[in-house]
Amino acid sequence: MFSVLSDLSWTGFALASVASIVLAGVWFGAVIAKPYLVALGRADGPAPEADLVRQAGPVLCLMPLVLTSTWLIEVLDVTTPGDAVAFGLLVGIGYLTAMTFQIALNPNFPRPLYYGLLNAPFFVLSSVVTAAIVTAMR
C-alpha cells in the first residue's frame, strides 16, 4: 500500500495543486471575500493584513491534501471519471466539509454555521477537481 509513491501521477499532483490554489484564490479572494468577513465578525473592520502566514499557509495546507488524494486515488485504483467524482465528493463532504464545520464550532467564530456554509463548497469543489485531474493524468 505504501509502495505506490513511485506510481503516483506527479504531473497530476502538480496540476491539481495549481488548480486548487487558483480555485482558493478565486473563491476566497473574490466569490466570498465580503461574506467571509461577516462570518468572522469583521464586516465593520478592516480586512486582515496580508502576511507570509496568510499567503503561504493555505498553499502549504492544500499540498498535503492534494498529495493524500493523489495517493488514495492510486491505492484505490480510481480510473474512471465517474469514480473520480464519487471519490472527490466522498472526501470533500465526508472529511473536508465535516472538518470545516468542526473547526467553525470553535467559540472564536461568531457565526459558525455561516462560516461552514461559505467554506465547505470550496473544499468539495477542490476535492472533485483534484480527483478529476489526478485520475485523468493516471
N, C-alpha and C. Protein backbone atom coordinates (compact mmCIF):
# COMPACT_ATOMS: atom_id res chain seq x y z
N MET A 1 0.82 -1.19 0.00
CA MET A 1 0.00 0.00 0.00
C MET A 1 0.87 1.26 0.00
N PHE A 2 1.97 1.25 0.74
CA PHE A 2 2.82 2.44 0.79
C PHE A 2 3.88 2.44 -0.30
N SER A 3 3.94 1.38 -1.08
CA SER A 3 4.94 1.29 -2.14
C SER A 3 4.50 1.98 -3.43
N VAL A 4 3.37 2.64 -3.42
CA VAL A 4 2.85 3.25 -4.64
C VAL A 4 3.42 4.64 -4.92
N LEU A 5 4.27 5.15 -4.04
CA LEU A 5 4.79 6.51 -4.25
C LEU A 5 5.42 6.67 -5.63
N SER A 6 6.11 5.65 -6.09
CA SER A 6 6.74 5.76 -7.41
C SER A 6 5.71 5.68 -8.53
N ASP A 7 4.51 5.17 -8.23
CA ASP A 7 3.46 5.05 -9.24
C ASP A 7 2.53 6.26 -9.31
N LEU A 8 2.68 7.18 -8.37
CA LEU A 8 1.79 8.33 -8.35
C LEU A 8 1.96 9.18 -9.60
N SER A 9 0.86 9.79 -9.99
CA SER A 9 0.91 10.74 -11.09
C SER A 9 1.38 12.07 -10.53
N TRP A 10 2.70 12.30 -10.60
CA TRP A 10 3.25 13.54 -10.07
C TRP A 10 2.83 14.73 -10.91
N THR A 11 2.61 14.50 -12.19
CA THR A 11 2.09 15.56 -13.04
C THR A 11 0.65 15.89 -12.63
N GLY A 12 -0.13 14.87 -12.37
CA GLY A 12 -1.50 15.08 -11.90
C GLY A 12 -1.51 15.81 -10.57
N PHE A 13 -0.60 15.42 -9.67
CA PHE A 13 -0.48 16.09 -8.38
C PHE A 13 -0.16 17.58 -8.58
N ALA A 14 0.80 17.87 -9.45
CA ALA A 14 1.21 19.26 -9.69
C ALA A 14 0.06 20.07 -10.29
N LEU A 15 -0.60 19.52 -11.28
CA LEU A 15 -1.71 20.23 -11.92
C LEU A 15 -2.89 20.43 -10.96
N ALA A 16 -3.19 19.40 -10.19
CA ALA A 16 -4.29 19.50 -9.22
C ALA A 16 -3.94 20.51 -8.13
N SER A 17 -2.68 20.57 -7.73
CA SER A 17 -2.25 21.55 -6.73
C SER A 17 -2.45 22.97 -7.25
N VAL A 18 -1.99 23.21 -8.47
CA VAL A 18 -2.16 24.54 -9.07
C VAL A 18 -3.64 24.88 -9.19
N ALA A 19 -4.44 23.93 -9.65
CA ALA A 19 -5.88 24.18 -9.80
C ALA A 19 -6.52 24.51 -8.46
N SER A 20 -6.15 23.79 -7.41
CA SER A 20 -6.72 24.05 -6.09
C SER A 20 -6.29 25.40 -5.54
N ILE A 21 -5.04 25.77 -5.78
CA ILE A 21 -4.55 27.07 -5.31
C ILE A 21 -5.25 28.21 -6.05
N VAL A 22 -5.40 28.06 -7.35
CA VAL A 22 -6.11 29.09 -8.13
C VAL A 22 -7.57 29.17 -7.68
N LEU A 23 -8.19 28.02 -7.52
CA LEU A 23 -9.58 27.99 -7.07
C LEU A 23 -9.72 28.66 -5.70
N ALA A 24 -8.78 28.41 -4.80
CA ALA A 24 -8.82 29.04 -3.48
C ALA A 24 -8.71 30.56 -3.60
N GLY A 25 -7.81 31.01 -4.46
CA GLY A 25 -7.67 32.45 -4.66
C GLY A 25 -8.94 33.10 -5.16
N VAL A 26 -9.57 32.46 -6.13
CA VAL A 26 -10.81 32.99 -6.68
C VAL A 26 -11.93 32.92 -5.64
N TRP A 27 -12.04 31.76 -4.98
CA TRP A 27 -13.14 31.56 -4.03
C TRP A 27 -13.05 32.54 -2.86
N PHE A 28 -11.89 32.54 -2.21
CA PHE A 28 -11.76 33.36 -1.01
C PHE A 28 -11.45 34.82 -1.30
N GLY A 29 -10.83 35.08 -2.45
CA GLY A 29 -10.47 36.45 -2.79
C GLY A 29 -11.55 37.22 -3.50
N ALA A 30 -12.47 36.51 -4.18
CA ALA A 30 -13.49 37.21 -4.96
C ALA A 30 -14.91 36.74 -4.63
N VAL A 31 -15.15 35.45 -4.69
CA VAL A 31 -16.52 34.94 -4.56
C VAL A 31 -17.10 35.20 -3.17
N ILE A 32 -16.34 34.89 -2.11
CA ILE A 32 -16.89 35.05 -0.76
C ILE A 32 -16.11 36.04 0.10
N ALA A 33 -15.35 36.91 -0.50
CA ALA A 33 -14.49 37.81 0.27
C ALA A 33 -15.27 38.60 1.33
N LYS A 34 -16.34 39.25 0.94
CA LYS A 34 -17.10 40.07 1.90
C LYS A 34 -17.92 39.21 2.86
N PRO A 35 -18.64 38.19 2.38
CA PRO A 35 -19.36 37.34 3.34
C PRO A 35 -18.44 36.64 4.33
N TYR A 36 -17.22 36.34 3.89
CA TYR A 36 -16.25 35.69 4.78
C TYR A 36 -15.93 36.58 5.97
N LEU A 37 -15.78 37.88 5.71
CA LEU A 37 -15.54 38.82 6.81
C LEU A 37 -16.72 38.88 7.76
N VAL A 38 -17.92 38.76 7.23
CA VAL A 38 -19.12 38.73 8.08
C VAL A 38 -19.09 37.48 8.96
N ALA A 39 -18.76 36.34 8.37
CA ALA A 39 -18.72 35.09 9.13
C ALA A 39 -17.67 35.15 10.24
N LEU A 40 -16.62 35.91 10.02
CA LEU A 40 -15.57 36.05 11.03
C LEU A 40 -15.84 37.16 12.03
N GLY A 41 -16.95 37.89 11.82
CA GLY A 41 -17.28 39.00 12.70
C GLY A 41 -16.43 40.23 12.45
N ARG A 42 -15.93 40.38 11.24
CA ARG A 42 -15.06 41.51 10.90
C ARG A 42 -15.63 42.37 9.79
N ALA A 43 -16.92 42.34 9.59
CA ALA A 43 -17.53 43.07 8.47
C ALA A 43 -17.33 44.58 8.60
N ASP A 44 -17.29 45.09 9.82
CA ASP A 44 -17.17 46.53 10.02
C ASP A 44 -15.73 47.00 10.14
N GLY A 45 -14.81 46.08 10.25
CA GLY A 45 -13.41 46.46 10.42
C GLY A 45 -12.62 46.23 9.14
N PRO A 46 -11.38 46.59 9.18
CA PRO A 46 -10.53 46.38 8.00
C PRO A 46 -10.22 44.90 7.82
N ALA A 47 -9.96 44.54 6.61
CA ALA A 47 -9.55 43.16 6.32
C ALA A 47 -8.19 42.93 6.96
N PRO A 48 -7.93 41.70 7.38
CA PRO A 48 -6.61 41.42 7.97
C PRO A 48 -5.50 41.73 6.97
N GLU A 49 -4.39 42.19 7.48
CA GLU A 49 -3.25 42.48 6.61
C GLU A 49 -2.69 41.18 6.05
N ALA A 50 -2.25 41.25 4.81
CA ALA A 50 -1.62 40.08 4.19
C ALA A 50 -0.21 39.95 4.76
N ASP A 51 0.12 38.75 5.18
CA ASP A 51 1.47 38.47 5.63
C ASP A 51 1.86 37.08 5.12
N LEU A 52 3.05 36.67 5.42
CA LEU A 52 3.56 35.41 4.90
C LEU A 52 2.69 34.22 5.32
N VAL A 53 2.27 34.19 6.57
CA VAL A 53 1.45 33.08 7.05
C VAL A 53 0.13 33.02 6.31
N ARG A 54 -0.52 34.15 6.13
CA ARG A 54 -1.83 34.17 5.45
C ARG A 54 -1.71 33.91 3.95
N GLN A 55 -0.56 34.21 3.38
CA GLN A 55 -0.36 33.97 1.95
C GLN A 55 0.12 32.54 1.68
N ALA A 56 1.11 32.09 2.42
CA ALA A 56 1.70 30.77 2.17
C ALA A 56 0.97 29.65 2.91
N GLY A 57 0.36 29.97 4.02
CA GLY A 57 -0.31 28.95 4.83
C GLY A 57 -1.33 28.12 4.07
N PRO A 58 -2.29 28.76 3.41
CA PRO A 58 -3.27 27.97 2.67
C PRO A 58 -2.65 27.11 1.57
N VAL A 59 -1.63 27.62 0.91
CA VAL A 59 -0.95 26.84 -0.13
C VAL A 59 -0.30 25.62 0.50
N LEU A 60 0.40 25.83 1.60
CA LEU A 60 1.07 24.72 2.27
C LEU A 60 0.08 23.71 2.85
N CYS A 61 -1.10 24.17 3.22
CA CYS A 61 -2.12 23.24 3.72
C CYS A 61 -2.79 22.45 2.60
N LEU A 62 -2.90 23.05 1.43
CA LEU A 62 -3.52 22.35 0.30
C LEU A 62 -2.63 21.24 -0.26
N MET A 63 -1.33 21.41 -0.17
CA MET A 63 -0.40 20.45 -0.76
C MET A 63 -0.55 19.04 -0.17
N PRO A 64 -0.54 18.86 1.16
CA PRO A 64 -0.72 17.50 1.68
C PRO A 64 -2.11 16.95 1.38
N LEU A 65 -3.10 17.83 1.32
CA LEU A 65 -4.44 17.38 0.97
C LEU A 65 -4.47 16.80 -0.45
N VAL A 66 -3.87 17.50 -1.39
CA VAL A 66 -3.82 17.03 -2.78
C VAL A 66 -2.96 15.78 -2.88
N LEU A 67 -1.85 15.75 -2.15
CA LEU A 67 -0.97 14.57 -2.18
C LEU A 67 -1.68 13.35 -1.61
N THR A 68 -2.40 13.52 -0.54
CA THR A 68 -3.14 12.41 0.06
C THR A 68 -4.20 11.89 -0.90
N SER A 69 -4.92 12.79 -1.55
CA SER A 69 -5.92 12.35 -2.53
C SER A 69 -5.25 11.65 -3.70
N THR A 70 -4.12 12.16 -4.14
CA THR A 70 -3.38 11.53 -5.24
C THR A 70 -2.98 10.11 -4.85
N TRP A 71 -2.50 9.96 -3.65
CA TRP A 71 -2.09 8.65 -3.16
C TRP A 71 -3.29 7.71 -3.05
N LEU A 72 -4.39 8.18 -2.46
CA LEU A 72 -5.58 7.34 -2.32
C LEU A 72 -6.17 6.94 -3.68
N ILE A 73 -6.13 7.84 -4.63
CA ILE A 73 -6.64 7.52 -5.97
C ILE A 73 -5.83 6.38 -6.58
N GLU A 74 -4.53 6.40 -6.36
CA GLU A 74 -3.68 5.31 -6.86
C GLU A 74 -3.96 4.00 -6.12
N VAL A 75 -3.99 4.06 -4.81
CA VAL A 75 -4.20 2.86 -3.99
C VAL A 75 -5.57 2.24 -4.25
N LEU A 76 -6.58 3.09 -4.39
CA LEU A 76 -7.94 2.60 -4.61
C LEU A 76 -8.22 2.31 -6.08
N ASP A 77 -7.25 2.60 -6.93
CA ASP A 77 -7.35 2.33 -8.37
C ASP A 77 -8.57 3.03 -9.00
N VAL A 78 -8.68 4.31 -8.70
CA VAL A 78 -9.74 5.14 -9.29
C VAL A 78 -9.32 5.45 -10.71
N THR A 79 -10.12 5.00 -11.68
CA THR A 79 -9.70 5.16 -13.08
C THR A 79 -10.74 5.82 -13.98
N THR A 80 -11.98 5.88 -13.56
CA THR A 80 -13.00 6.45 -14.44
C THR A 80 -13.42 7.83 -13.95
N PRO A 81 -13.92 8.66 -14.85
CA PRO A 81 -14.40 9.99 -14.42
C PRO A 81 -15.49 9.91 -13.35
N GLY A 82 -16.39 8.97 -13.49
CA GLY A 82 -17.46 8.82 -12.50
C GLY A 82 -16.93 8.46 -11.13
N ASP A 83 -15.96 7.54 -11.10
CA ASP A 83 -15.36 7.17 -9.83
C ASP A 83 -14.55 8.33 -9.25
N ALA A 84 -13.93 9.14 -10.11
CA ALA A 84 -13.18 10.30 -9.64
C ALA A 84 -14.12 11.29 -8.97
N VAL A 85 -15.27 11.55 -9.59
CA VAL A 85 -16.24 12.48 -8.99
C VAL A 85 -16.75 11.92 -7.67
N ALA A 86 -17.07 10.62 -7.65
CA ALA A 86 -17.55 9.99 -6.42
C ALA A 86 -16.50 10.09 -5.31
N PHE A 87 -15.24 9.81 -5.67
CA PHE A 87 -14.16 9.92 -4.70
C PHE A 87 -14.04 11.36 -4.19
N GLY A 88 -14.05 12.33 -5.10
CA GLY A 88 -13.95 13.73 -4.72
C GLY A 88 -15.08 14.16 -3.81
N LEU A 89 -16.29 13.72 -4.11
CA LEU A 89 -17.43 14.06 -3.25
C LEU A 89 -17.32 13.39 -1.89
N LEU A 90 -16.88 12.15 -1.87
CA LEU A 90 -16.74 11.42 -0.61
C LEU A 90 -15.73 12.13 0.31
N VAL A 91 -14.58 12.47 -0.23
CA VAL A 91 -13.56 13.17 0.56
C VAL A 91 -14.03 14.59 0.89
N GLY A 92 -14.57 15.29 -0.11
CA GLY A 92 -15.00 16.67 0.08
C GLY A 92 -16.10 16.83 1.11
N ILE A 93 -17.06 15.94 1.05
CA ILE A 93 -18.18 16.03 2.00
C ILE A 93 -17.85 15.30 3.30
N GLY A 94 -17.38 14.06 3.16
CA GLY A 94 -17.17 13.21 4.34
C GLY A 94 -16.07 13.68 5.26
N TYR A 95 -14.99 14.19 4.69
CA TYR A 95 -13.88 14.63 5.52
C TYR A 95 -13.79 16.15 5.61
N LEU A 96 -13.70 16.80 4.47
CA LEU A 96 -13.37 18.23 4.46
C LEU A 96 -14.52 19.10 4.95
N THR A 97 -15.74 18.81 4.52
CA THR A 97 -16.87 19.59 4.99
C THR A 97 -17.09 19.36 6.48
N ALA A 98 -17.02 18.10 6.88
CA ALA A 98 -17.20 17.79 8.30
C ALA A 98 -16.14 18.52 9.14
N MET A 99 -14.89 18.52 8.68
CA MET A 99 -13.83 19.20 9.43
C MET A 99 -14.01 20.71 9.41
N THR A 100 -14.50 21.25 8.31
CA THR A 100 -14.74 22.69 8.23
C THR A 100 -15.75 23.12 9.29
N PHE A 101 -16.82 22.36 9.43
CA PHE A 101 -17.83 22.70 10.44
C PHE A 101 -17.29 22.44 11.85
N GLN A 102 -16.50 21.41 12.00
CA GLN A 102 -15.89 21.14 13.30
C GLN A 102 -15.01 22.30 13.74
N ILE A 103 -14.19 22.80 12.83
CA ILE A 103 -13.32 23.95 13.13
C ILE A 103 -14.17 25.18 13.44
N ALA A 104 -15.24 25.37 12.69
CA ALA A 104 -16.09 26.55 12.87
C ALA A 104 -16.80 26.57 14.22
N LEU A 105 -16.94 25.42 14.85
CA LEU A 105 -17.62 25.37 16.15
C LEU A 105 -16.77 25.95 17.28
N ASN A 106 -15.55 26.31 16.97
CA ASN A 106 -14.68 26.99 17.91
C ASN A 106 -15.39 28.27 18.36
N PRO A 107 -15.37 28.57 19.65
CA PRO A 107 -16.10 29.77 20.11
C PRO A 107 -15.57 31.09 19.56
N ASN A 108 -14.43 31.08 18.89
CA ASN A 108 -13.91 32.31 18.31
C ASN A 108 -14.60 32.69 17.00
N PHE A 109 -15.41 31.80 16.47
CA PHE A 109 -16.16 32.09 15.24
C PHE A 109 -17.56 32.54 15.64
N PRO A 110 -17.90 33.81 15.41
CA PRO A 110 -19.21 34.31 15.85
C PRO A 110 -20.37 33.72 15.06
N ARG A 111 -20.14 33.30 13.83
CA ARG A 111 -21.21 32.74 13.01
C ARG A 111 -20.72 31.41 12.42
N PRO A 112 -20.64 30.36 13.24
CA PRO A 112 -20.02 29.11 12.81
C PRO A 112 -20.73 28.42 11.64
N LEU A 113 -22.04 28.42 11.64
CA LEU A 113 -22.74 27.76 10.54
C LEU A 113 -22.54 28.52 9.23
N TYR A 114 -22.58 29.82 9.30
CA TYR A 114 -22.35 30.65 8.11
C TYR A 114 -20.93 30.43 7.60
N TYR A 115 -19.96 30.39 8.51
CA TYR A 115 -18.57 30.13 8.14
C TYR A 115 -18.47 28.78 7.41
N GLY A 116 -19.08 27.77 7.98
CA GLY A 116 -19.05 26.44 7.35
C GLY A 116 -19.71 26.43 5.98
N LEU A 117 -20.85 27.11 5.87
CA LEU A 117 -21.55 27.15 4.58
C LEU A 117 -20.77 27.90 3.51
N LEU A 118 -19.97 28.87 3.92
CA LEU A 118 -19.14 29.60 2.95
C LEU A 118 -17.92 28.79 2.52
N ASN A 119 -17.32 28.06 3.43
CA ASN A 119 -16.08 27.34 3.16
C ASN A 119 -16.28 25.97 2.54
N ALA A 120 -17.30 25.26 2.98
CA ALA A 120 -17.49 23.87 2.54
C ALA A 120 -17.57 23.72 1.02
N PRO A 121 -18.27 24.59 0.30
CA PRO A 121 -18.32 24.40 -1.16
C PRO A 121 -16.94 24.44 -1.82
N PHE A 122 -16.05 25.29 -1.32
CA PHE A 122 -14.69 25.32 -1.88
C PHE A 122 -14.02 23.96 -1.69
N PHE A 123 -14.11 23.40 -0.51
CA PHE A 123 -13.43 22.13 -0.25
C PHE A 123 -14.02 20.98 -1.06
N VAL A 124 -15.33 20.97 -1.22
CA VAL A 124 -15.95 19.93 -2.05
C VAL A 124 -15.52 20.10 -3.51
N LEU A 125 -15.61 21.32 -4.02
CA LEU A 125 -15.23 21.57 -5.40
C LEU A 125 -13.74 21.27 -5.63
N SER A 126 -12.90 21.71 -4.72
CA SER A 126 -11.47 21.46 -4.83
C SER A 126 -11.17 19.96 -4.81
N SER A 127 -11.87 19.23 -3.98
CA SER A 127 -11.68 17.79 -3.90
C SER A 127 -12.10 17.09 -5.19
N VAL A 128 -13.21 17.50 -5.75
CA VAL A 128 -13.68 16.91 -7.01
C VAL A 128 -12.73 17.27 -8.16
N VAL A 129 -12.30 18.51 -8.22
CA VAL A 129 -11.35 18.93 -9.26
C VAL A 129 -10.05 18.15 -9.13
N THR A 130 -9.55 18.03 -7.91
CA THR A 130 -8.32 17.27 -7.68
C THR A 130 -8.47 15.84 -8.17
N ALA A 131 -9.55 15.19 -7.77
CA ALA A 131 -9.77 13.79 -8.16
C ALA A 131 -9.89 13.66 -9.68
N ALA A 132 -10.59 14.58 -10.31
CA ALA A 132 -10.76 14.52 -11.76
C ALA A 132 -9.42 14.68 -12.48
N ILE A 133 -8.61 15.65 -12.04
CA ILE A 133 -7.33 15.89 -12.70
C ILE A 133 -6.38 14.71 -12.48
N VAL A 134 -6.26 14.28 -11.25
CA VAL A 134 -5.32 13.19 -10.94
C VAL A 134 -5.73 11.91 -11.67
N THR A 135 -7.01 11.62 -11.68
CA THR A 135 -7.49 10.42 -12.37
C THR A 135 -7.24 10.52 -13.87
N ALA A 136 -7.48 11.67 -14.44
CA ALA A 136 -7.26 11.85 -15.89
C ALA A 136 -5.78 11.71 -16.24
N MET A 137 -4.90 12.05 -15.31
CA MET A 137 -3.46 12.03 -15.59
C MET A 137 -2.81 10.68 -15.26
N ARG A 138 -3.57 9.72 -14.75
CA ARG A 138 -3.00 8.41 -14.39
C ARG A 138 -2.60 7.65 -15.62
